[in-house]
Amino acid sequence: MADGNSGGGNSFLAFIVGGLLVVVAVVGFMMYSGGGFSPAPKKSIDITVSTPNLPKPGS
């Protein structure tokens, strides 16, 4: 009944699954770190809004 298979198909499948795990880990690291290995420069945004002086109601 046993044909002498040494399980070569299972080791190939494990190699493919391990490679996919490495690829997913690298892609996850790249996405989490902002797309690169160096930190992104900090940006500062300063917004000034000028509104007109309207008369108070009833004055």
PDB file of N, CA and C in Angstrom:
ATOM      1  N   MET A   1       0.807  -1.183   0.000  1.00  0.00           N
ATOM      2  CA  MET A   1       0.000   0.000   0.000  1.00  0.00           C
ATOM      3  C   MET A   1       0.860   1.261   0.000  1.00  0.00           C
ATOM      4  N   ALA A   2       1.952   1.238   0.743  1.00  0.00           N
ATOM      5  CA  ALA A   2       2.844   2.375   0.720  1.00  0.00           C
ATOM      6  C   ALA A   2       3.750   2.251  -0.488  1.00  0.00           C
ATOM      7  N   ASP A   3       3.810   3.304  -1.259  1.00  0.00           N
ATOM      8  CA  ASP A   3       4.604   3.289  -2.486  1.00  0.00           C
ATOM      9  C   ASP A   3       6.014   3.813  -2.270  1.00  0.00           C
ATOM     10  N   GLY A   4       6.405   4.083  -1.067  1.00  0.00           N
ATOM     11  CA  GLY A   4       7.746   4.589  -0.808  1.00  0.00           C
ATOM     12  C   GLY A   4       7.848   6.099  -0.954  1.00  0.00           C
ATOM     13  N   ASN A   5       6.735   6.816  -0.844  1.00  0.00           N
ATOM     14  CA  ASN A   5       6.796   8.282  -0.913  1.00  0.00           C
ATOM     15  C   ASN A   5       7.470   8.818   0.342  1.00  0.00           C
ATOM     16  N   SER A   6       8.378   9.734   0.150  1.00  0.00           N
ATOM     17  CA  SER A   6       9.109  10.281   1.292  1.00  0.00           C
ATOM     18  C   SER A   6       8.506  11.589   1.785  1.00  0.00           C
ATOM     19  N   GLY A   7       7.365  12.007   1.247  1.00  0.00           N
ATOM     20  CA  GLY A   7       6.751  13.247   1.707  1.00  0.00           C
ATOM     21  C   GLY A   7       7.366  14.479   1.094  1.00  0.00           C
ATOM     22  N   GLY A   8       7.922  14.364  -0.105  1.00  0.00           N
ATOM     23  CA  GLY A   8       8.549  15.511  -0.758  1.00  0.00           C
ATOM     24  C   GLY A   8       7.561  16.611  -1.074  1.00  0.00           C
ATOM     25  N   GLY A   9       6.315  16.236  -1.333  1.00  0.00           N
ATOM     26  CA  GLY A   9       5.297  17.251  -1.613  1.00  0.00           C
ATOM     27  C   GLY A   9       4.990  18.094  -0.400  1.00  0.00           C
ATOM     28  N   ASN A  10       5.033  17.484   0.771  1.00  0.00           N
ATOM     29  CA  ASN A  10       4.761  18.226   1.996  1.00  0.00           C
ATOM     30  C   ASN A  10       5.870  19.209   2.313  1.00  0.00           C
ATOM     31  N   SER A  11       7.104  18.844   2.065  1.00  0.00           N
ATOM     32  CA  SER A  11       8.189  19.786   2.337  1.00  0.00           C
ATOM     33  C   SER A  11       8.165  20.941   1.341  1.00  0.00           C
ATOM     34  N   PHE A  12       7.776  20.688   0.112  1.00  0.00           N
ATOM     35  CA  PHE A  12       7.654  21.774  -0.863  1.00  0.00           C
ATOM     36  C   PHE A  12       6.533  22.721  -0.453  1.00  0.00           C
ATOM     37  N   LEU A  13       5.418  22.177   0.018  1.00  0.00           N
ATOM     38  CA  LEU A  13       4.301  23.007   0.474  1.00  0.00           C
ATOM     39  C   LEU A  13       4.727  23.848   1.680  1.00  0.00           C
ATOM     40  N   ALA A  14       5.487  23.264   2.597  1.00  0.00           N
ATOM     41  CA  ALA A  14       5.973  24.015   3.752  1.00  0.00           C
ATOM     42  C   ALA A  14       6.919  25.131   3.315  1.00  0.00           C
ATOM     43  N   PHE A  15       7.744  24.879   2.306  1.00  0.00           N
ATOM     44  CA  PHE A  15       8.648  25.910   1.778  1.00  0.00           C
ATOM     45  C   PHE A  15       7.852  27.074   1.187  1.00  0.00           C
ATOM     46  N   ILE A  16       6.801  26.774   0.427  1.00  0.00           N
ATOM     47  CA  ILE A  16       5.962  27.819  -0.181  1.00  0.00           C
ATOM     48  C   ILE A  16       5.248  28.627   0.904  1.00  0.00           C
ATOM     49  N   VAL A  17       4.672  27.951   1.888  1.00  0.00           N
ATOM     50  CA  VAL A  17       3.957  28.649   2.969  1.00  0.00           C
ATOM     51  C   VAL A  17       4.937  29.510   3.766  1.00  0.00           C
ATOM     52  N   GLY A  18       6.129  29.016   4.043  1.00  0.00           N
ATOM     53  CA  GLY A  18       7.131  29.816   4.749  1.00  0.00           C
ATOM     54  C   GLY A  18       7.538  31.050   3.961  1.00  0.00           C
ATOM     55  N   GLY A  19       7.700  30.900   2.649  1.00  0.00           N
ATOM     56  CA  GLY A  19       8.022  32.054   1.803  1.00  0.00           C
ATOM     57  C   GLY A  19       6.917  33.090   1.804  1.00  0.00           C
ATOM     58  N   LEU A  20       5.681  32.632   1.763  1.00  0.00           N
ATOM     59  CA  LEU A  20       4.549  33.564   1.808  1.00  0.00           C
ATOM     60  C   LEU A  20       4.497  34.295   3.143  1.00  0.00           C
ATOM     61  N   LEU A  21       4.803  33.610   4.233  1.00  0.00           N
ATOM     62  CA  LEU A  21       4.826  34.271   5.539  1.00  0.00           C
ATOM     63  C   LEU A  21       5.901  35.354   5.594  1.00  0.00           C
ATOM     64  N   VAL A  22       7.048  35.086   5.013  1.00  0.00           N
ATOM     65  CA  VAL A  22       8.122  36.087   4.983  1.00  0.00           C
ATOM     66  C   VAL A  22       7.686  37.301   4.165  1.00  0.00           C
ATOM     67  N   VAL A  23       7.053  37.065   3.019  1.00  0.00           N
ATOM     68  CA  VAL A  23       6.597  38.171   2.173  1.00  0.00           C
ATOM     69  C   VAL A  23       5.557  39.004   2.912  1.00  0.00           C
ATOM     70  N   VAL A  24       4.606  38.358   3.573  1.00  0.00           N
ATOM     71  CA  VAL A  24       3.576  39.087   4.324  1.00  0.00           C
ATOM     72  C   VAL A  24       4.210  39.881   5.464  1.00  0.00           C
ATOM     73  N   ALA A  25       5.207  39.324   6.138  1.00  0.00           N
ATOM     74  CA  ALA A  25       5.871  40.046   7.226  1.00  0.00           C
ATOM     75  C   ALA A  25       6.606  41.273   6.704  1.00  0.00           C
ATOM     76  N   VAL A  26       7.286  41.151   5.571  1.00  0.00           N
ATOM     77  CA  VAL A  26       8.010  42.290   5.002  1.00  0.00           C
ATOM     78  C   VAL A  26       7.040  43.378   4.547  1.00  0.00           C
ATOM     79  N   VAL A  27       5.960  42.993   3.876  1.00  0.00           N
ATOM     80  CA  VAL A  27       4.968  43.977   3.419  1.00  0.00           C
ATOM     81  C   VAL A  27       4.317  44.657   4.615  1.00  0.00           C
ATOM     82  N   GLY A  28       3.995  43.908   5.659  1.00  0.00           N
ATOM     83  CA  GLY A  28       3.412  44.506   6.861  1.00  0.00           C
ATOM     84  C   GLY A  28       4.353  45.485   7.529  1.00  0.00           C
ATOM     85  N   PHE A  29       5.636  45.134   7.582  1.00  0.00           N
ATOM     86  CA  PHE A  29       6.617  46.052   8.169  1.00  0.00           C
ATOM     87  C   PHE A  29       6.716  47.333   7.353  1.00  0.00           C
ATOM     88  N   MET A  30       6.733  47.207   6.031  1.00  0.00           N
ATOM     89  CA  MET A  30       6.836  48.385   5.166  1.00  0.00           C
ATOM     90  C   MET A  30       5.621  49.285   5.325  1.00  0.00           C
ATOM     91  N   MET A  31       4.436  48.703   5.425  1.00  0.00           N
ATOM     92  CA  MET A  31       3.220  49.504   5.580  1.00  0.00           C
ATOM     93  C   MET A  31       3.175  50.154   6.959  1.00  0.00           C
ATOM     94  N   TYR A  32       3.583  49.425   7.984  1.00  0.00           N
ATOM     95  CA  TYR A  32       3.532  49.960   9.347  1.00  0.00           C
ATOM     96  C   TYR A  32       4.552  51.075   9.556  1.00  0.00           C
ATOM     97  N   SER A  33       5.708  50.967   8.903  1.00  0.00           N
ATOM     98  CA  SER A  33       6.759  51.948   9.115  1.00  0.00           C
ATOM     99  C   SER A  33       6.663  53.136   8.158  1.00  0.00           C
ATOM    100  N   GLY A  34       5.649  53.208   7.360  1.00  0.00           N
ATOM    101  CA  GLY A  34       5.474  54.352   6.479  1.00  0.00           C
ATOM    102  C   GLY A  34       6.103  54.168   5.125  1.00  0.00           C
ATOM    103  N   GLY A  35       6.414  52.964   4.720  1.00  0.00           N
ATOM    104  CA  GLY A  35       6.910  52.711   3.382  1.00  0.00           C
ATOM    105  C   GLY A  35       8.415  52.720   3.245  1.00  0.00           C
ATOM    106  N   GLY A  36       9.128  52.869   4.323  1.00  0.00           N
ATOM    107  CA  GLY A  36      10.580  52.873   4.216  1.00  0.00           C
ATOM    108  C   GLY A  36      11.218  52.484   5.525  1.00  0.00           C
ATOM    109  N   PHE A  37      12.542  52.483   5.547  1.00  0.00           N
ATOM    110  CA  PHE A  37      13.256  52.104   6.747  1.00  0.00           C
ATOM    111  C   PHE A  37      13.658  53.317   7.572  1.00  0.00           C
ATOM    112  N   SER A  38      13.520  54.514   7.036  1.00  0.00           N
ATOM    113  CA  SER A  38      13.851  55.711   7.798  1.00  0.00           C
ATOM    114  C   SER A  38      12.555  56.396   8.232  1.00  0.00           C
ATOM    115  N   PRO A  39      12.572  57.053   9.393  1.00  0.00           N
ATOM    116  CA  PRO A  39      11.343  57.709   9.859  1.00  0.00           C
ATOM    117  C   PRO A  39      10.970  58.885   8.956  1.00  0.00           C
ATOM    118  N   ALA A  40       9.694  59.098   8.818  1.00  0.00           N
ATOM    119  CA  ALA A  40       9.202  60.199   7.999  1.00  0.00           C
ATOM    120  C   ALA A  40       9.489  61.528   8.702  1.00  0.00           C
ATOM    121  N   PRO A  41       9.821  62.572   7.942  1.00  0.00           N
ATOM    122  CA  PRO A  41      10.068  63.868   8.584  1.00  0.00           C
ATOM    123  C   PRO A  41       8.775  64.427   9.180  1.00  0.00           C
ATOM    124  N   LYS A  42       8.919  65.084  10.319  1.00  0.00           N
ATOM    125  CA  LYS A  42       7.745  65.661  10.978  1.00  0.00           C
ATOM    126  C   LYS A  42       7.319  66.927  10.250  1.00  0.00           C
ATOM    127  N   LYS A  43       6.011  67.065  10.094  1.00  0.00           N
ATOM    128  CA  LYS A  43       5.472  68.247   9.423  1.00  0.00           C
ATOM    129  C   LYS A  43       4.703  69.080  10.435  1.00  0.00           C
ATOM    130  N   SER A  44       4.773  70.375  10.272  1.00  0.00           N
ATOM    131  CA  SER A  44       4.044  71.294  11.134  1.00  0.00           C
ATOM    132  C   SER A  44       3.094  72.109  10.277  1.00  0.00           C
ATOM    133  N   ILE A  45       1.841  72.115  10.652  1.00  0.00           N
ATOM    134  CA  ILE A  45       0.827  72.867   9.916  1.00  0.00           C
ATOM    135  C   ILE A  45       0.293  73.960  10.826  1.00  0.00           C
ATOM    136  N   ASP A  46       0.339  75.198  10.349  1.00  0.00           N
ATOM    137  CA  ASP A  46      -0.145  76.340  11.115  1.00  0.00           C
ATOM    138  C   ASP A  46      -1.240  77.013  10.301  1.00  0.00           C
ATOM    139  N   ILE A  47      -2.440  77.070  10.838  1.00  0.00           N
ATOM    140  CA  ILE A  47      -3.592  77.634  10.115  1.00  0.00           C
ATOM    141  C   ILE A  47      -4.077  78.868  10.864  1.00  0.00           C
ATOM    142  N   THR A  48      -4.230  79.973  10.133  1.00  0.00           N
ATOM    143  CA  THR A  48      -4.771  81.209  10.688  1.00  0.00           C
ATOM    144  C   THR A  48      -6.042  81.558   9.930  1.00  0.00           C
ATOM    145  N   VAL A  49      -7.128  81.766  10.669  1.00  0.00           N
ATOM    146  CA  VAL A  49      -8.414  82.084  10.052  1.00  0.00           C
ATOM    147  C   VAL A  49      -8.832  83.471  10.512  1.00  0.00           C
ATOM    148  N   SER A  50      -9.130  84.348   9.565  1.00  0.00           N
ATOM    149  CA  SER A  50      -9.602  85.699   9.874  1.00  0.00           C
ATOM    150  C   SER A  50     -11.094  85.773   9.551  1.00  0.00           C
ATOM    151  N   THR A  51     -11.864  86.239  10.524  1.00  0.00           N
ATOM    152  CA  THR A  51     -13.311  86.374  10.306  1.00  0.00           C
ATOM    153  C   THR A  51     -13.676  87.854  10.381  1.00  0.00           C
ATOM    154  N   PRO A  52     -14.670  88.250   9.638  1.00  0.00           N
ATOM    155  CA  PRO A  52     -15.083  89.661   9.686  1.00  0.00           C
ATOM    156  C   PRO A  52     -15.776  89.974  11.021  1.00  0.00           C
ATOM    157  N   ASN A  53     -15.665  91.227  11.462  1.00  0.00           N
ATOM    158  CA  ASN A  53     -16.352  91.664  12.668  1.00  0.00           C
ATOM    159  C   ASN A  53     -17.771  92.068  12.301  1.00  0.00           C
ATOM    160  N   LEU A  54     -18.737  91.293  12.726  1.00  0.00           N
ATOM    161  CA  LEU A  54     -20.140  91.546  12.410  1.00  0.00           C
ATOM    162  C   LEU A  54     -20.791  92.287  13.583  1.00  0.00           C
ATOM    163  N   PRO A  55     -21.759  93.166  13.275  1.00  0.00           N
ATOM    164  CA  PRO A  55     -22.462  93.848  14.382  1.00  0.00           C
ATOM    165  C   PRO A  55     -23.327  92.842  15.144  1.00  0.00           C
ATOM    166  N   LYS A  56     -23.461  93.102  16.451  1.00  0.00           N
ATOM    167  CA  LYS A  56     -24.283  92.236  17.281  1.00  0.00           C
ATOM    168  C   LYS A  56     -25.742  92.479  16.958  1.00  0.00           C
ATOM    169  N   PRO A  57     -26.565  91.448  16.990  1.00  0.00           N
ATOM    170  CA  PRO A  57     -28.005  91.641  16.722  1.00  0.00           C
ATOM    171  C   PRO A  57     -28.632  92.531  17.799  1.00  0.00           C
ATOM    172  N   GLY A  58     -29.523  93.428  17.377  1.00  0.00           N
ATOM    173  CA  GLY A  58     -30.223  94.315  18.277  1.00  0.00           C
ATOM    174  C   GLY A  58     -29.457  95.587  18.606  1.00  0.00           C
ATOM    175  N   SER A  59     -28.307  95.814  17.982  1.00  0.00           N
ATOM    176  CA  SER A  59     -27.532  97.031  18.299  1.00  0.00           C
ATOM    177  C   SER A  59     -27.833  98.096  17.279  1.00  0.00           C
TER     178      SER A  59
END
